Amino acid sequence: METYTYDVRMFKETFEYGFTYINGFMRNVHRFAHRPAVTCPLRNRTWTYAELNREVNRLAHALLGDGIGKNDVVMYQLLNSFEFVLSYLAPQKIGVLNC
């Protein structure tokens, strides 16, 4: 029986050094701007990647306007909702740690 050993090097090179969630999101904004990104069943609304990016930018600018900046920490506790998506992505856009 032949055995297979997983080579973790490619994973580490991609995800431990250069990949961040916000980079993946921005890649999708550029690649799939007019495709659906998130749907909120409570609002019966779907946002495209371009629309979601605009909303994320609005919140990121609001955080900056409130004096929150790079390496600050933003904490939140939200239900699985559109607001959670914004709260997860916006701080990352401006270098803020979020949890």
N, C-alpha and C. Protein backbone atom coordinates (compact mmCIF):
# COMPACT_ATOMS: atom_id res chain seq x y z
N MET A 1 0.85 -1.18 0.00
CA MET A 1 0.00 0.00 0.00
C MET A 1 0.89 1.24 0.00
N GLU A 2 0.59 2.14 -0.90
CA GLU A 2 1.37 3.38 -1.02
C GLU A 2 0.83 4.40 -0.02
N THR A 3 1.74 5.08 0.63
CA THR A 3 1.32 6.12 1.57
C THR A 3 1.61 7.49 0.99
N TYR A 4 0.85 8.44 1.43
CA TYR A 4 1.03 9.81 0.96
C TYR A 4 1.32 10.69 2.17
N THR A 5 2.32 11.51 2.02
CA THR A 5 2.65 12.48 3.07
C THR A 5 2.37 13.87 2.53
N TYR A 6 1.56 14.59 3.25
CA TYR A 6 1.20 15.95 2.85
C TYR A 6 2.40 16.87 3.00
N ASP A 7 2.69 17.62 1.95
CA ASP A 7 3.79 18.58 1.99
C ASP A 7 3.22 19.95 2.35
N VAL A 8 3.51 20.40 3.53
CA VAL A 8 2.93 21.63 4.07
C VAL A 8 3.66 22.89 3.58
N ARG A 9 4.75 22.75 2.87
CA ARG A 9 5.54 23.93 2.48
C ARG A 9 4.75 24.93 1.64
N MET A 10 4.01 24.44 0.64
CA MET A 10 3.27 25.36 -0.21
C MET A 10 2.20 26.11 0.60
N PHE A 11 1.53 25.40 1.49
CA PHE A 11 0.54 26.05 2.35
C PHE A 11 1.19 27.15 3.18
N LYS A 12 2.32 26.85 3.80
CA LYS A 12 3.01 27.83 4.64
C LYS A 12 3.47 29.03 3.83
N GLU A 13 4.01 28.78 2.64
CA GLU A 13 4.50 29.88 1.81
C GLU A 13 3.36 30.82 1.41
N THR A 14 2.20 30.27 1.20
CA THR A 14 1.06 31.09 0.78
C THR A 14 0.36 31.76 1.96
N PHE A 15 0.03 31.00 2.96
CA PHE A 15 -0.85 31.50 4.01
C PHE A 15 -0.13 32.07 5.22
N GLU A 16 1.04 31.62 5.53
CA GLU A 16 1.70 32.13 6.73
C GLU A 16 2.50 33.39 6.46
N TYR A 17 2.78 33.68 5.22
CA TYR A 17 3.64 34.82 4.94
C TYR A 17 2.96 35.93 4.15
N GLY A 18 2.10 35.60 3.23
CA GLY A 18 1.54 36.66 2.40
C GLY A 18 0.04 36.76 2.41
N PHE A 19 -0.65 35.72 2.80
CA PHE A 19 -2.11 35.74 2.72
C PHE A 19 -2.71 36.33 3.97
N THR A 20 -3.61 37.25 3.78
CA THR A 20 -4.47 37.73 4.87
C THR A 20 -5.89 37.69 4.34
N TYR A 21 -6.85 37.67 5.23
CA TYR A 21 -8.24 37.62 4.80
C TYR A 21 -8.59 38.84 3.96
N ILE A 22 -8.09 40.01 4.37
CA ILE A 22 -8.42 41.22 3.62
C ILE A 22 -7.81 41.19 2.22
N ASN A 23 -6.63 40.60 2.07
CA ASN A 23 -6.05 40.46 0.73
C ASN A 23 -6.90 39.55 -0.14
N GLY A 24 -7.40 38.47 0.44
CA GLY A 24 -8.29 37.58 -0.30
C GLY A 24 -9.59 38.28 -0.68
N PHE A 25 -10.12 39.07 0.23
CA PHE A 25 -11.34 39.83 -0.06
C PHE A 25 -11.10 40.81 -1.19
N MET A 26 -10.00 41.56 -1.14
CA MET A 26 -9.71 42.55 -2.17
C MET A 26 -9.46 41.88 -3.53
N ARG A 27 -8.86 40.71 -3.51
CA ARG A 27 -8.69 39.96 -4.75
C ARG A 27 -10.06 39.66 -5.35
N ASN A 28 -10.99 39.24 -4.51
CA ASN A 28 -12.34 38.94 -5.00
C ASN A 28 -13.08 40.19 -5.45
N VAL A 29 -12.85 41.31 -4.79
CA VAL A 29 -13.46 42.57 -5.23
C VAL A 29 -13.02 42.87 -6.66
N HIS A 30 -11.75 42.68 -6.95
CA HIS A 30 -11.24 42.97 -8.30
C HIS A 30 -11.67 41.92 -9.31
N ARG A 31 -11.71 40.67 -8.91
CA ARG A 31 -12.04 39.60 -9.85
C ARG A 31 -13.54 39.45 -10.07
N PHE A 32 -14.32 39.66 -9.03
CA PHE A 32 -15.75 39.36 -9.09
C PHE A 32 -16.61 40.55 -8.65
N ALA A 33 -16.24 41.75 -9.04
CA ALA A 33 -16.87 42.97 -8.54
C ALA A 33 -18.40 42.94 -8.61
N HIS A 34 -18.95 42.39 -9.65
CA HIS A 34 -20.40 42.45 -9.84
C HIS A 34 -21.11 41.15 -9.51
N ARG A 35 -20.40 40.26 -8.86
CA ARG A 35 -21.00 39.00 -8.43
C ARG A 35 -21.43 39.11 -6.96
N PRO A 36 -22.39 38.30 -6.55
CA PRO A 36 -22.84 38.34 -5.15
C PRO A 36 -21.72 37.98 -4.18
N ALA A 37 -21.63 38.76 -3.12
CA ALA A 37 -20.62 38.52 -2.09
C ALA A 37 -21.26 38.05 -0.80
N VAL A 38 -22.36 38.66 -0.42
CA VAL A 38 -23.02 38.32 0.84
C VAL A 38 -24.52 38.59 0.71
N THR A 39 -25.29 37.73 1.34
CA THR A 39 -26.74 37.89 1.36
C THR A 39 -27.21 37.94 2.80
N CYS A 40 -28.09 38.88 3.08
CA CYS A 40 -28.69 38.99 4.41
C CYS A 40 -30.16 38.61 4.29
N PRO A 41 -30.53 37.43 4.78
CA PRO A 41 -31.93 37.02 4.66
C PRO A 41 -32.89 37.89 5.47
N LEU A 42 -32.40 38.49 6.55
CA LEU A 42 -33.27 39.35 7.36
C LEU A 42 -33.67 40.60 6.59
N ARG A 43 -32.77 41.09 5.76
CA ARG A 43 -33.05 42.29 4.96
C ARG A 43 -33.52 41.94 3.56
N ASN A 44 -33.45 40.65 3.23
CA ASN A 44 -33.79 40.20 1.88
C ASN A 44 -32.99 40.97 0.84
N ARG A 45 -31.68 41.06 1.08
CA ARG A 45 -30.80 41.84 0.22
C ARG A 45 -29.49 41.11 0.00
N THR A 46 -28.95 41.28 -1.20
CA THR A 46 -27.65 40.74 -1.55
C THR A 46 -26.76 41.89 -1.99
N TRP A 47 -25.50 41.88 -1.55
CA TRP A 47 -24.50 42.87 -1.94
C TRP A 47 -23.49 42.21 -2.85
N THR A 48 -23.11 42.91 -3.90
CA THR A 48 -22.01 42.43 -4.73
C THR A 48 -20.70 42.73 -4.01
N TYR A 49 -19.61 42.19 -4.53
CA TYR A 49 -18.31 42.49 -3.92
C TYR A 49 -18.02 43.98 -3.97
N ALA A 50 -18.37 44.64 -5.08
CA ALA A 50 -18.12 46.09 -5.18
C ALA A 50 -18.95 46.86 -4.15
N GLU A 51 -20.22 46.49 -4.00
CA GLU A 51 -21.08 47.16 -3.02
C GLU A 51 -20.60 46.91 -1.60
N LEU A 52 -20.23 45.67 -1.32
CA LEU A 52 -19.72 45.34 0.01
C LEU A 52 -18.45 46.12 0.30
N ASN A 53 -17.58 46.22 -0.68
CA ASN A 53 -16.33 46.97 -0.49
C ASN A 53 -16.61 48.43 -0.17
N ARG A 54 -17.60 49.04 -0.83
CA ARG A 54 -17.96 50.43 -0.53
C ARG A 54 -18.44 50.57 0.92
N GLU A 55 -19.27 49.63 1.37
CA GLU A 55 -19.76 49.68 2.75
C GLU A 55 -18.63 49.47 3.76
N VAL A 56 -17.73 48.56 3.44
CA VAL A 56 -16.57 48.31 4.31
C VAL A 56 -15.72 49.57 4.39
N ASN A 57 -15.51 50.24 3.26
CA ASN A 57 -14.73 51.48 3.25
C ASN A 57 -15.39 52.57 4.09
N ARG A 58 -16.72 52.64 4.04
CA ARG A 58 -17.44 53.63 4.86
C ARG A 58 -17.17 53.41 6.34
N LEU A 59 -17.25 52.16 6.78
CA LEU A 59 -17.00 51.87 8.19
C LEU A 59 -15.53 52.09 8.53
N ALA A 60 -14.63 51.73 7.64
CA ALA A 60 -13.20 51.95 7.90
C ALA A 60 -12.91 53.43 8.08
N HIS A 61 -13.51 54.27 7.23
CA HIS A 61 -13.31 55.72 7.37
C HIS A 61 -13.94 56.26 8.65
N ALA A 62 -15.08 55.69 9.05
CA ALA A 62 -15.71 56.11 10.30
C ALA A 62 -14.82 55.75 11.49
N LEU A 63 -14.21 54.58 11.46
CA LEU A 63 -13.29 54.19 12.54
C LEU A 63 -12.11 55.16 12.61
N LEU A 64 -11.55 55.48 11.45
CA LEU A 64 -10.44 56.44 11.42
C LEU A 64 -10.89 57.80 11.96
N GLY A 65 -12.10 58.21 11.60
CA GLY A 65 -12.64 59.47 12.07
C GLY A 65 -12.84 59.51 13.58
N ASP A 66 -13.04 58.35 14.17
CA ASP A 66 -13.18 58.25 15.63
C ASP A 66 -11.85 58.08 16.34
N GLY A 67 -10.75 58.19 15.58
CA GLY A 67 -9.43 58.11 16.19
C GLY A 67 -8.87 56.71 16.34
N ILE A 68 -9.52 55.73 15.75
CA ILE A 68 -9.01 54.36 15.80
C ILE A 68 -8.04 54.19 14.65
N GLY A 69 -6.85 53.66 14.94
CA GLY A 69 -5.83 53.55 13.90
C GLY A 69 -5.04 52.27 14.00
N LYS A 70 -4.02 52.20 13.17
CA LYS A 70 -3.19 51.01 13.03
C LYS A 70 -2.73 50.50 14.39
N ASN A 71 -2.85 49.18 14.56
CA ASN A 71 -2.46 48.43 15.75
C ASN A 71 -3.38 48.64 16.95
N ASP A 72 -4.44 49.45 16.81
CA ASP A 72 -5.46 49.49 17.86
C ASP A 72 -6.26 48.19 17.80
N VAL A 73 -7.06 47.95 18.82
CA VAL A 73 -7.88 46.74 18.87
C VAL A 73 -9.35 47.13 18.93
N VAL A 74 -10.15 46.51 18.09
CA VAL A 74 -11.60 46.69 18.09
C VAL A 74 -12.22 45.34 18.43
N MET A 75 -13.07 45.35 19.44
CA MET A 75 -13.76 44.11 19.83
C MET A 75 -15.25 44.28 19.59
N TYR A 76 -15.89 43.21 19.19
CA TYR A 76 -17.32 43.25 18.95
C TYR A 76 -17.90 41.87 19.19
N GLN A 77 -19.18 41.84 19.46
CA GLN A 77 -19.91 40.59 19.60
C GLN A 77 -21.23 40.78 18.87
N LEU A 78 -21.34 40.13 17.75
CA LEU A 78 -22.52 40.29 16.90
C LEU A 78 -23.04 38.93 16.46
N LEU A 79 -24.30 38.90 16.11
CA LEU A 79 -24.85 37.71 15.48
C LEU A 79 -24.27 37.57 14.09
N ASN A 80 -24.47 36.44 13.49
CA ASN A 80 -24.02 36.21 12.12
C ASN A 80 -24.89 37.07 11.21
N SER A 81 -24.40 38.25 10.86
CA SER A 81 -25.21 39.25 10.16
C SER A 81 -24.33 40.06 9.21
N PHE A 82 -24.98 40.92 8.45
CA PHE A 82 -24.25 41.81 7.56
C PHE A 82 -23.31 42.72 8.35
N GLU A 83 -23.77 43.17 9.51
CA GLU A 83 -22.94 44.04 10.35
C GLU A 83 -21.68 43.31 10.82
N PHE A 84 -21.79 42.01 11.04
CA PHE A 84 -20.60 41.23 11.41
C PHE A 84 -19.58 41.25 10.28
N VAL A 85 -20.06 41.08 9.05
CA VAL A 85 -19.16 41.09 7.90
C VAL A 85 -18.42 42.43 7.83
N LEU A 86 -19.16 43.53 7.98
CA LEU A 86 -18.53 44.85 7.96
C LEU A 86 -17.52 45.01 9.10
N SER A 87 -17.92 44.57 10.29
CA SER A 87 -17.05 44.71 11.46
C SER A 87 -15.81 43.84 11.38
N TYR A 88 -15.89 42.78 10.61
CA TYR A 88 -14.73 41.90 10.42
C TYR A 88 -13.76 42.48 9.40
N LEU A 89 -14.27 43.04 8.32
CA LEU A 89 -13.42 43.50 7.22
C LEU A 89 -12.88 44.91 7.40
N ALA A 90 -13.70 45.84 7.87
CA ALA A 90 -13.29 47.25 7.94
C ALA A 90 -12.05 47.48 8.79
N PRO A 91 -11.94 46.93 9.99
CA PRO A 91 -10.72 47.15 10.76
C PRO A 91 -9.46 46.64 10.05
N GLN A 92 -9.60 45.52 9.35
CA GLN A 92 -8.44 44.98 8.66
C GLN A 92 -7.95 45.91 7.55
N LYS A 93 -8.86 46.64 6.95
CA LYS A 93 -8.48 47.57 5.88
C LYS A 93 -7.56 48.67 6.38
N ILE A 94 -7.68 49.03 7.67
CA ILE A 94 -6.88 50.14 8.19
C ILE A 94 -5.82 49.67 9.20
N GLY A 95 -5.56 48.37 9.21
CA GLY A 95 -4.50 47.85 10.06
C GLY A 95 -4.87 47.71 11.52
N VAL A 96 -6.16 47.67 11.80
CA VAL A 96 -6.64 47.53 13.18
C VAL A 96 -6.87 46.05 13.46
N LEU A 97 -6.52 45.63 14.65
CA LEU A 97 -6.75 44.25 15.06
C LEU A 97 -8.19 44.12 15.50
N ASN A 98 -8.85 43.07 15.07
CA ASN A 98 -10.24 42.90 15.47
C ASN A 98 -10.48 41.50 16.02
N CYS A 99 -11.37 41.47 16.99
CA CYS A 99 -11.72 40.18 17.59
C CYS A 99 -13.10 40.26 18.19
